Amino acid sequence: DLLERLQRIRSIPLTGDMAGLFRAADQARRILYRADNAGEIVFDRLLVETLPLQKITVAVRGTPVINDATWEDAETAGLTRVVPVILNGSDAPGTILAECSDVFQACFADADLIIAKGQGNYETLCEVDRNIYFLLTVKCPRIGADVSAPVGTWVVHKKGLNRR
């Protein structure tokens, strides 16, 4: 039942530097928040509202791919009334920069902090030389080894060389 599922969710461990994410957001000029699943978009809004709103742009998919959040999902969750929302322009899982729209690429290049949700975004952006905080659930041992967390853990993982 719903209560049991909520209790199970509360018991999932969270690891990583959440305080560092909030410090980075306070220090950033521009933040790009790359949403992930449609089912999490309401929680994305709650998290976005704890960050400096005037700095944030949220990116979603233009069309449904697997279960990714779209413009309609962002609109339904009220995100479009809180911060600017753009489309990434790609139908590939994760974020393959070369396949994204010019608008998304410009926003990505201009952001000095990127917050990327989901393992697919981690898999496609983890080698990008930028200041990125990944928020994901570890779903396989290989990613777990990479982020130093066991499968099933919620992770706040910072990767990037902080060139900016």
Protein backbone atom coordinates (compact mmCIF):
# COMPACT_ATOMS: atom_id res chain seq x y z
CA ASP A 1 0.00 0.00 0.00
CA LEU A 2 0.99 3.66 -0.27
CA LEU A 3 2.10 4.03 3.35
CA GLU A 4 4.43 1.03 3.05
CA ARG A 5 5.94 2.41 -0.17
CA LEU A 6 6.51 5.82 1.45
CA GLN A 7 8.19 4.20 4.44
CA ARG A 8 10.42 2.17 2.10
CA ILE A 9 11.39 5.33 0.20
CA ARG A 10 12.28 7.08 3.46
CA SER A 11 14.62 4.20 4.31
CA ILE A 12 16.70 4.50 1.10
CA PRO A 13 20.11 5.86 2.04
CA LEU A 14 21.23 9.25 0.68
CA THR A 15 24.94 9.79 0.25
CA GLY A 16 26.95 12.71 -1.01
CA ASP A 17 27.44 16.38 -0.40
CA MET A 18 23.99 18.00 -0.43
CA ALA A 19 25.34 20.98 1.51
CA GLY A 20 28.00 21.41 -1.19
CA LEU A 21 25.28 21.48 -3.83
CA PHE A 22 23.48 24.30 -2.01
CA ARG A 23 26.75 26.22 -1.51
CA ALA A 24 27.55 25.85 -5.23
CA ALA A 25 24.05 27.08 -6.11
CA ASP A 26 24.48 30.14 -3.90
CA GLN A 27 27.82 30.93 -5.55
CA ALA A 28 26.71 30.27 -9.15
CA ARG A 29 25.74 32.99 -11.63
CA ARG A 30 23.60 30.68 -13.77
CA ILE A 31 22.28 27.20 -13.03
CA LEU A 32 20.99 24.67 -15.54
CA TYR A 33 18.82 22.00 -13.92
CA ARG A 34 18.38 18.98 -16.20
CA ALA A 35 15.21 17.17 -15.10
CA ASP A 36 14.83 13.43 -15.52
CA ASN A 37 11.64 11.45 -14.96
CA ALA A 38 8.09 12.69 -15.41
CA GLY A 39 7.14 11.03 -12.13
CA GLU A 40 9.70 13.12 -10.25
CA ILE A 41 8.91 16.53 -11.75
CA VAL A 42 6.88 17.66 -8.73
CA PHE A 43 9.84 16.82 -6.48
CA ASP A 44 12.10 18.68 -8.92
CA ARG A 45 9.93 21.74 -8.41
CA LEU A 46 10.25 21.42 -4.64
CA LEU A 47 14.03 21.19 -4.90
CA VAL A 48 14.26 24.02 -7.45
CA GLU A 49 12.23 26.25 -5.10
CA THR A 50 14.92 25.80 -2.40
CA LEU A 51 17.58 27.14 -4.79
CA PRO A 52 18.11 30.75 -5.97
CA LEU A 53 15.24 30.93 -8.49
CA GLN A 54 16.55 33.94 -10.43
CA LYS A 55 19.58 31.88 -11.49
CA ILE A 56 17.85 28.69 -12.65
CA THR A 57 16.73 27.38 -16.02
CA VAL A 58 15.18 23.91 -16.11
CA ALA A 59 15.63 21.68 -19.17
CA VAL A 60 13.20 18.90 -20.12
CA ARG A 61 12.55 16.80 -23.22
CA GLY A 62 10.45 18.06 -26.08
CA THR A 63 8.87 14.66 -26.67
CA PRO A 64 8.34 11.67 -24.37
CA VAL A 65 11.30 9.27 -24.34
CA ILE A 66 10.99 6.32 -22.01
CA ASN A 67 9.64 8.14 -18.90
CA ASP A 68 11.50 11.46 -19.20
CA ALA A 69 9.91 14.73 -18.13
CA THR A 70 8.49 16.86 -20.95
CA TRP A 71 7.25 20.45 -21.25
CA GLU A 72 3.73 19.27 -20.42
CA ASP A 73 4.99 17.59 -17.24
CA ALA A 74 6.84 20.75 -16.20
CA GLU A 75 3.73 22.81 -16.90
CA THR A 76 1.50 20.43 -14.93
CA ALA A 77 3.91 20.56 -11.97
CA GLY A 78 3.89 24.37 -12.11
CA LEU A 79 7.61 24.67 -12.92
CA THR A 80 6.91 26.92 -15.92
CA ARG A 81 5.39 29.46 -13.53
CA VAL A 82 8.46 29.41 -11.26
CA VAL A 83 11.54 29.39 -13.56
CA PRO A 84 12.30 29.42 -17.28
CA VAL A 85 11.91 25.96 -18.82
CA ILE A 86 13.58 24.96 -22.09
CA LEU A 87 13.58 21.82 -24.23
CA ASN A 88 16.84 19.93 -24.70
CA GLY A 89 15.89 19.16 -28.32
CA SER A 90 17.03 15.55 -28.26
CA ASP A 91 15.25 12.22 -28.07
CA ALA A 92 18.32 10.27 -26.90
CA PRO A 93 18.32 8.84 -23.38
CA GLY A 94 20.40 11.05 -21.11
CA THR A 95 21.96 14.23 -22.51
CA ILE A 96 24.15 13.81 -25.56
CA LEU A 97 25.28 17.39 -26.06
CA ALA A 98 25.98 17.07 -29.79
CA GLU A 99 22.35 16.03 -30.33
CA CYS A 100 20.80 18.82 -28.25
CA SER A 101 19.32 22.04 -29.60
CA ASP A 102 21.34 25.22 -30.02
CA VAL A 103 19.26 26.83 -27.27
CA PHE A 104 20.06 24.01 -24.84
CA GLN A 105 23.75 23.98 -25.80
CA ALA A 106 24.00 27.75 -25.26
CA CYS A 107 22.34 27.46 -21.85
CA PHE A 108 24.63 24.53 -20.95
CA ALA A 109 27.71 26.51 -22.00
CA ASP A 110 26.61 29.61 -20.08
CA ALA A 111 25.77 27.81 -16.81
CA ASP A 112 28.52 27.72 -14.24
CA LEU A 113 26.60 25.04 -12.32
CA ILE A 114 24.71 22.15 -13.84
CA ILE A 115 22.45 19.92 -11.79
CA ALA A 116 21.70 16.74 -13.71
CA LYS A 117 19.14 14.23 -12.47
CA GLY A 118 19.13 10.54 -13.22
CA GLN A 119 21.55 7.80 -14.11
CA GLY A 120 21.10 8.39 -17.87
CA ASN A 121 22.28 11.97 -17.50
CA TYR A 122 25.18 10.74 -15.37
CA GLU A 123 26.18 8.19 -18.00
CA THR A 124 26.16 10.78 -20.80
CA LEU A 125 27.64 13.76 -18.92
CA CYS A 126 30.09 12.26 -16.40
CA GLU A 127 33.07 12.86 -18.69
CA VAL A 128 32.09 16.45 -19.55
CA ASP A 129 34.56 18.95 -18.13
CA ARG A 130 32.08 21.13 -16.26
CA ASN A 131 30.92 21.83 -12.71
CA ILE A 132 28.13 19.24 -12.46
CA TYR A 133 26.23 17.85 -9.50
CA PHE A 134 24.48 14.59 -10.34
CA LEU A 135 21.39 13.48 -8.42
CA LEU A 136 20.66 9.83 -9.11
CA THR A 137 19.67 6.46 -7.80
CA VAL A 138 22.44 3.92 -8.30
CA LYS A 139 20.90 1.18 -10.44
CA CYS A 140 23.90 -0.99 -11.31
CA PRO A 141 27.23 -2.03 -9.75
CA ARG A 142 29.35 -0.24 -12.39
CA ILE A 143 27.80 3.16 -11.64
CA GLY A 144 27.91 2.32 -7.94
CA ALA A 145 31.65 1.74 -8.18
CA ASP A 146 32.09 5.01 -10.07
CA VAL A 147 30.22 7.07 -7.46
CA SER A 148 31.34 4.96 -4.46
CA ALA A 149 27.84 3.92 -3.41
CA PRO A 150 25.95 0.62 -3.37
CA VAL A 151 23.10 -0.19 -5.74
CA GLY A 152 19.84 1.32 -4.49
CA THR A 153 21.44 4.37 -2.90
CA TRP A 154 20.34 7.92 -3.68
CA VAL A 155 23.44 9.90 -4.52
CA VAL A 156 24.45 13.55 -4.71
CA HIS A 157 27.67 13.26 -6.70
CA LYS A 158 29.92 16.12 -7.81
CA LYS A 159 32.04 15.60 -10.86
CA GLY A 160 33.92 18.12 -12.94
CA LEU A 161 37.05 20.17 -12.92
CA ASN A 162 35.51 23.51 -11.88
CA ARG A 163 37.16 25.45 -14.69
CA ARG A 164 34.65 28.25 -14.24
